[in-house]
C-alpha atoms as a PDB file:
ATOM      1  CA  MET A   1      -6.458 -13.433  23.213  1.00  0.00           C
ATOM      2  CA  ALA A   2      -4.886 -13.561  19.794  1.00  0.00           C
ATOM      3  CA  ARG A   3      -1.950 -11.253  19.410  1.00  0.00           C
ATOM      4  CA  VAL A   4      -2.610  -9.425  16.171  1.00  0.00           C
ATOM      5  CA  LYS A   5      -1.181  -5.939  16.010  1.00  0.00           C
ATOM      6  CA  ARG A   6      -1.656  -4.307  12.640  1.00  0.00           C
ATOM      7  CA  GLY A   7      -3.371  -6.672  10.262  1.00  0.00           C
ATOM      8  CA  THR A   8      -5.798  -4.476   8.368  1.00  0.00           C
ATOM      9  CA  VAL A   9      -4.144  -1.170   9.176  1.00  0.00           C
ATOM     10  CA  SER A  10      -1.211  -1.761   6.857  1.00  0.00           C
ATOM     11  CA  ARG A  11      -3.593  -3.000   4.164  1.00  0.00           C
ATOM     12  CA  ARG A  12      -5.622   0.161   4.403  1.00  0.00           C
ATOM     13  CA  LYS A  13      -2.484   2.254   4.242  1.00  0.00           C
ATOM     14  CA  HIS A  14      -1.372   0.370   1.136  1.00  0.00           C
ATOM     15  CA  LYS A  15      -4.714   0.809  -0.568  1.00  0.00           C
ATOM     16  CA  LYS A  16      -4.600   4.529   0.107  1.00  0.00           C
ATOM     17  CA  LEU A  17      -1.087   4.725  -1.294  1.00  0.00           C
ATOM     18  CA  LEU A  18      -2.023   2.764  -4.404  1.00  0.00           C
ATOM     19  CA  ASN A  19      -4.984   5.053  -4.957  1.00  0.00           C
ATOM     20  CA  LEU A  20      -2.621   8.016  -4.984  1.00  0.00           C
ATOM     21  CA  THR A  21      -0.301   6.342  -7.479  1.00  0.00           C
ATOM     22  CA  LYS A  22      -3.025   4.902  -9.680  1.00  0.00           C
ATOM     23  CA  GLY A  23      -2.020   6.593 -12.943  1.00  0.00           C
ATOM     24  CA  TYR A  24       1.617   5.619 -12.620  1.00  0.00           C
ATOM     25  CA  ARG A  25       3.346   3.268 -14.982  1.00  0.00           C
ATOM     26  CA  GLY A  26       4.313  -0.338 -14.240  1.00  0.00           C
ATOM     27  CA  THR A  27       5.245  -1.361 -10.725  1.00  0.00           C
ATOM     28  CA  LYS A  28       4.801   2.135  -9.311  1.00  0.00           C
ATOM     29  CA  SER A  29       1.064   1.514  -9.314  1.00  0.00           C
ATOM     30  CA  LYS A  30       1.321  -2.097  -8.108  1.00  0.00           C
ATOM     31  CA  LEU A  31       3.959  -2.557  -5.412  1.00  0.00           C
ATOM     32  CA  THR A  32       3.527  -0.473  -2.305  1.00  0.00           C
ATOM     33  CA  ARG A  33       7.233  -0.281  -1.608  1.00  0.00           C
ATOM     34  CA  VAL A  34       7.924   1.200  -5.026  1.00  0.00           C
ATOM     35  CA  ALA A  35       4.826   3.370  -4.919  1.00  0.00           C
ATOM     36  CA  HIS A  36       5.988   4.810  -1.617  1.00  0.00           C
ATOM     37  CA  GLU A  37       9.171   6.120  -3.217  1.00  0.00           C
ATOM     38  CA  ALA A  38       7.378   7.552  -6.239  1.00  0.00           C
END
């Protein structure tokens, strides 16, 4: 068995976060790490 833990889960989380920060300016709407702090 391949040992994949959270491949798509983190992606989904990121997409959700970026949807929340869609209207934000610059990197806040692009990078998840920055968007998380916004």
